[in-house]
C-alpha atoms as a PDB file:
ATOM      1  CA  MET A   1       0.008   0.007   0.064  1.00  0.00           C
ATOM      2  CA  GLN A   2       2.905   2.362   0.690  1.00  0.00           C
ATOM      3  CA  ARG A   3       4.274   1.782  -2.872  1.00  0.00           C
ATOM      4  CA  ILE A   4       0.749   2.673  -4.265  1.00  0.00           C
ATOM      5  CA  GLU A   5       0.656   5.870  -2.189  1.00  0.00           C
ATOM      6  CA  GLU A   6       4.168   6.861  -3.528  1.00  0.00           C
ATOM      7  CA  LEU A   7       3.062   6.223  -7.061  1.00  0.00           C
ATOM      8  CA  ARG A   8      -0.042   8.438  -6.577  1.00  0.00           C
ATOM      9  CA  GLU A   9       2.131  11.304  -5.093  1.00  0.00           C
ATOM     10  CA  LEU A  10       4.586  11.042  -8.040  1.00  0.00           C
ATOM     11  CA  SER A  11       1.693  10.995 -10.442  1.00  0.00           C
ATOM     12  CA  GLY A  12       0.384  14.116  -8.862  1.00  0.00           C
ATOM     13  CA  LEU A  13       3.684  15.775  -9.243  1.00  0.00           C
ATOM     14  CA  ALA A  14       3.884  14.681 -12.849  1.00  0.00           C
ATOM     15  CA  ALA A  15       0.448  16.217 -13.452  1.00  0.00           C
ATOM     16  CA  GLU A  16       1.560  19.434 -11.924  1.00  0.00           C
ATOM     17  CA  ALA A  17       4.667  19.355 -13.973  1.00  0.00           C
ATOM     18  CA  GLY A  18       2.455  18.890 -17.107  1.00  0.00           C
ATOM     19  CA  VAL A  19       4.014  15.518 -18.211  1.00  0.00           C
ATOM     20  CA  PRO A  20       0.969  13.479 -19.244  1.00  0.00           C
ATOM     21  CA  ALA A  21       2.969  10.301 -20.396  1.00  0.00           C
ATOM     22  CA  VAL A  22       4.679  10.058 -17.083  1.00  0.00           C
ATOM     23  CA  TYR A  23       1.381  10.694 -15.238  1.00  0.00           C
ATOM     24  CA  GLN A  24      -0.422   8.039 -17.170  1.00  0.00           C
ATOM     25  CA  SER A  25       2.434   5.589 -16.752  1.00  0.00           C
ATOM     26  CA  LEU A  26       2.474   6.119 -12.960  1.00  0.00           C
ATOM     27  CA  GLN A  27      -1.305   5.882 -12.724  1.00  0.00           C
ATOM     28  CA  LYS A  28      -1.309   2.678 -14.739  1.00  0.00           C
ATOM     29  CA  GLU A  29       1.355   1.064 -12.407  1.00  0.00           C
ATOM     30  CA  ALA A  30      -0.489   2.216  -9.294  1.00  0.00           C
ATOM     31  CA  ASN A  31      -3.677   0.730 -10.585  1.00  0.00           C
ATOM     32  CA  GLN A  32      -1.919  -2.587 -11.421  1.00  0.00           C
ATOM     33  CA  LEU A  33      -0.451  -2.808  -7.901  1.00  0.00           C
ATOM     34  CA  LEU A  34      -3.879  -2.043  -6.448  1.00  0.00           C
ATOM     35  CA  VAL A  35      -5.624  -4.821  -8.408  1.00  0.00           C
ATOM     36  CA  GLU A  36      -2.827  -7.276  -7.446  1.00  0.00           C
ATOM     37  CA  TYR A  37      -3.316  -6.343  -3.787  1.00  0.00           C
ATOM     38  CA  LEU A  38      -7.130  -6.768  -4.017  1.00  0.00           C
ATOM     39  CA  ALA A  39      -6.716 -10.109  -5.678  1.00  0.00           C
ATOM     40  CA  LEU A  40      -4.348 -11.233  -2.858  1.00  0.00           C
ATOM     41  CA  CYS A  41      -6.895 -10.121  -0.284  1.00  0.00           C
ATOM     42  CA  PHE A  42      -9.601 -12.012  -2.025  1.00  0.00           C
ATOM     43  CA  ILE A  43      -7.596 -15.252  -2.167  1.00  0.00           C
ATOM     44  CA  ASP A  44      -6.616 -14.681   1.542  1.00  0.00           C
ATOM     45  CA  GLY A  45     -10.301 -14.446   2.425  1.00  0.00           C
ATOM     46  CA  ILE A  46     -11.112 -17.567   0.398  1.00  0.00           C
ATOM     47  CA  TYR A  47      -8.387 -19.477   2.249  1.00  0.00           C
ATOM     48  CA  PHE A  48      -9.841 -18.250   5.516  1.00  0.00           C
ATOM     49  CA  LEU A  49     -13.379 -19.204   4.776  1.00  0.00           C
ATOM     50  CA  LEU A  50     -12.884 -22.460   2.827  1.00  0.00           C
ATOM     51  CA  PRO A  51     -12.289 -24.714   6.069  1.00  0.00           C
ATOM     52  CA  HIS A  52     -15.342 -23.117   7.677  1.00  0.00           C
ATOM     53  CA  VAL A  53     -17.431 -23.902   4.709  1.00  0.00           C
ATOM     54  CA  LEU A  54     -16.211 -27.510   4.717  1.00  0.00           C
ATOM     55  CA  VAL A  55     -16.928 -27.910   8.511  1.00  0.00           C
ATOM     56  CA  LEU A  56     -20.446 -26.374   7.918  1.00  0.00           C
ATOM     57  CA  ALA A  57     -21.069 -28.838   5.142  1.00  0.00           C
ATOM     58  CA  VAL A  58     -20.064 -31.830   7.355  1.00  0.00           C
ATOM     59  CA  LEU A  59     -22.070 -30.550  10.391  1.00  0.00           C
ATOM     60  CA  SER A  60     -25.191 -29.913   8.233  1.00  0.00           C
ATOM     61  CA  HIS A  61     -24.934 -33.527   7.023  1.00  0.00           C
ATOM     62  CA  PHE A  62     -24.672 -35.094  10.487  1.00  0.00           C
ATOM     63  CA  TRP A  63     -26.203 -32.597  12.768  1.00  0.00           C
ATOM     64  CA  PRO A  64     -28.647 -30.459  10.633  1.00  0.00           C
ATOM     65  CA  VAL A  65     -30.340 -29.009  13.779  1.00  0.00           C
ATOM     66  CA  LEU A  66     -29.457 -28.514  17.486  1.00  0.00           C
ATOM     67  CA  VAL A  67     -32.371 -29.345  19.818  1.00  0.00           C
ATOM     68  CA  LEU A  68     -32.624 -26.893  22.616  1.00  0.00           C
ATOM     69  CA  PRO A  69     -33.851 -28.001  26.073  1.00  0.00           C
ATOM     70  CA  ALA A  70     -36.261 -25.100  26.142  1.00  0.00           C
ATOM     71  CA  GLY A  71     -37.982 -23.367  23.331  1.00  0.00           C
ATOM     72  CA  ALA A  72     -36.597 -19.964  22.229  1.00  0.00           C
ATOM     73  CA  PRO A  73     -39.051 -17.213  21.374  1.00  0.00           C
ATOM     74  CA  PHE A  74     -37.854 -16.893  17.724  1.00  0.00           C
ATOM     75  CA  TYR A  75     -36.428 -20.284  16.873  1.00  0.00           C
ATOM     76  CA  GLY A  76     -38.665 -22.745  18.738  1.00  0.00           C
ATOM     77  CA  GLY A  77     -37.067 -25.871  19.999  1.00  0.00           C
ATOM     78  CA  GLU A  78     -34.452 -26.307  17.217  1.00  0.00           C
ATOM     79  CA  VAL A  79     -31.505 -24.156  15.787  1.00  0.00           C
ATOM     80  CA  SER A  80     -30.067 -24.976  12.425  1.00  0.00           C
ATOM     81  CA  CYS A  81     -26.342 -25.430  12.218  1.00  0.00           C
ATOM     82  CA  THR A  82     -26.280 -22.579   9.739  1.00  0.00           C
ATOM     83  CA  ILE A  83     -27.027 -20.410  12.820  1.00  0.00           C
ATOM     84  CA  TRP A  84     -25.055 -21.942  15.726  1.00  0.00           C
ATOM     85  CA  TYR A  85     -21.803 -22.827  13.924  1.00  0.00           C
ATOM     86  CA  PRO A  86     -21.176 -19.201  12.604  1.00  0.00           C
ATOM     87  CA  ALA A  87     -22.148 -17.817  15.980  1.00  0.00           C
ATOM     88  CA  LEU A  88     -19.691 -20.046  17.795  1.00  0.00           C
ATOM     89  CA  VAL A  89     -16.873 -19.161  15.261  1.00  0.00           C
ATOM     90  CA  VAL A  90     -17.421 -15.506  15.801  1.00  0.00           C
ATOM     91  CA  MET A  91     -17.439 -15.940  19.580  1.00  0.00           C
ATOM     92  CA  TYR A  92     -14.204 -17.923  19.248  1.00  0.00           C
ATOM     93  CA  TYR A  93     -12.448 -15.250  17.250  1.00  0.00           C
ATOM     94  CA  LEU A  94     -13.759 -12.526  19.468  1.00  0.00           C
ATOM     95  CA  GLY A  95     -12.590 -14.425  22.594  1.00  0.00           C
ATOM     96  CA  LYS A  96      -9.164 -14.878  21.093  1.00  0.00           C
ATOM     97  CA  LYS A  97      -8.757 -11.246  20.268  1.00  0.00           C
ATOM     98  CA  LEU A  98      -9.994 -10.269  23.671  1.00  0.00           C
ATOM     99  CA  SER A  99      -7.804 -12.653  25.515  1.00  0.00           C
ATOM    100  CA  GLY A 100      -4.778 -11.563  23.563  1.00  0.00           C
ATOM    101  CA  ARG A 101      -5.440  -7.922  24.501  1.00  0.00           C
ATOM    102  CA  LEU A 102      -5.963  -8.886  28.125  1.00  0.00           C
ATOM    103  CA  LEU A 103      -2.692 -10.808  28.254  1.00  0.00           C
ATOM    104  CA  LYS A 104      -0.786  -7.808  26.640  1.00  0.00           C
ATOM    105  CA  THR A 105      -2.326  -5.406  29.239  1.00  0.00           C
ATOM    106  CA  HIS A 106      -1.512  -7.775  32.050  1.00  0.00           C
ATOM    107  CA  ARG A 107       2.132  -8.143  30.841  1.00  0.00           C
ATOM    108  CA  ARG A 108       2.642  -4.382  30.471  1.00  0.00           C
ATOM    109  CA  SER A 109       1.183  -3.772  33.949  1.00  0.00           C
ATOM    110  CA  SER A 110       3.358  -6.344  35.559  1.00  0.00           C
ATOM    111  CA  GLY A 111       6.455  -5.196  33.740  1.00  0.00           C
ATOM    112  CA  GLU A 112       7.161  -8.256  31.571  1.00  0.00           C
ATOM    113  CA  ALA A 113       8.473  -7.844  27.950  1.00  0.00           C
ATOM    114  CA  VAL A 114       5.706  -8.074  25.328  1.00  0.00           C
END
């Protein structure tokens, strides 16, 4: 992202200097870098979500619903795995992030190196 910002600044300078060929060249290179970055972000997201999709497929095959001991007002007595699995995953990642922050705060307050 830093390189893209540098190219944008240089293209701005080229536009101010009145050199359209350099401006177009720098803009083209910045746009190519941005597209590559967005493609890598997309692929990273796919690699993050793919295991969860596979787990959800297996769970929906073996345990399509989770029977609750008491009926919930909106769901009744059963909750689909497409509801409870993503909720558990979100709680896991939030708990992991919160525990990491708490550990860093605790280490700083106790004087340990982070």
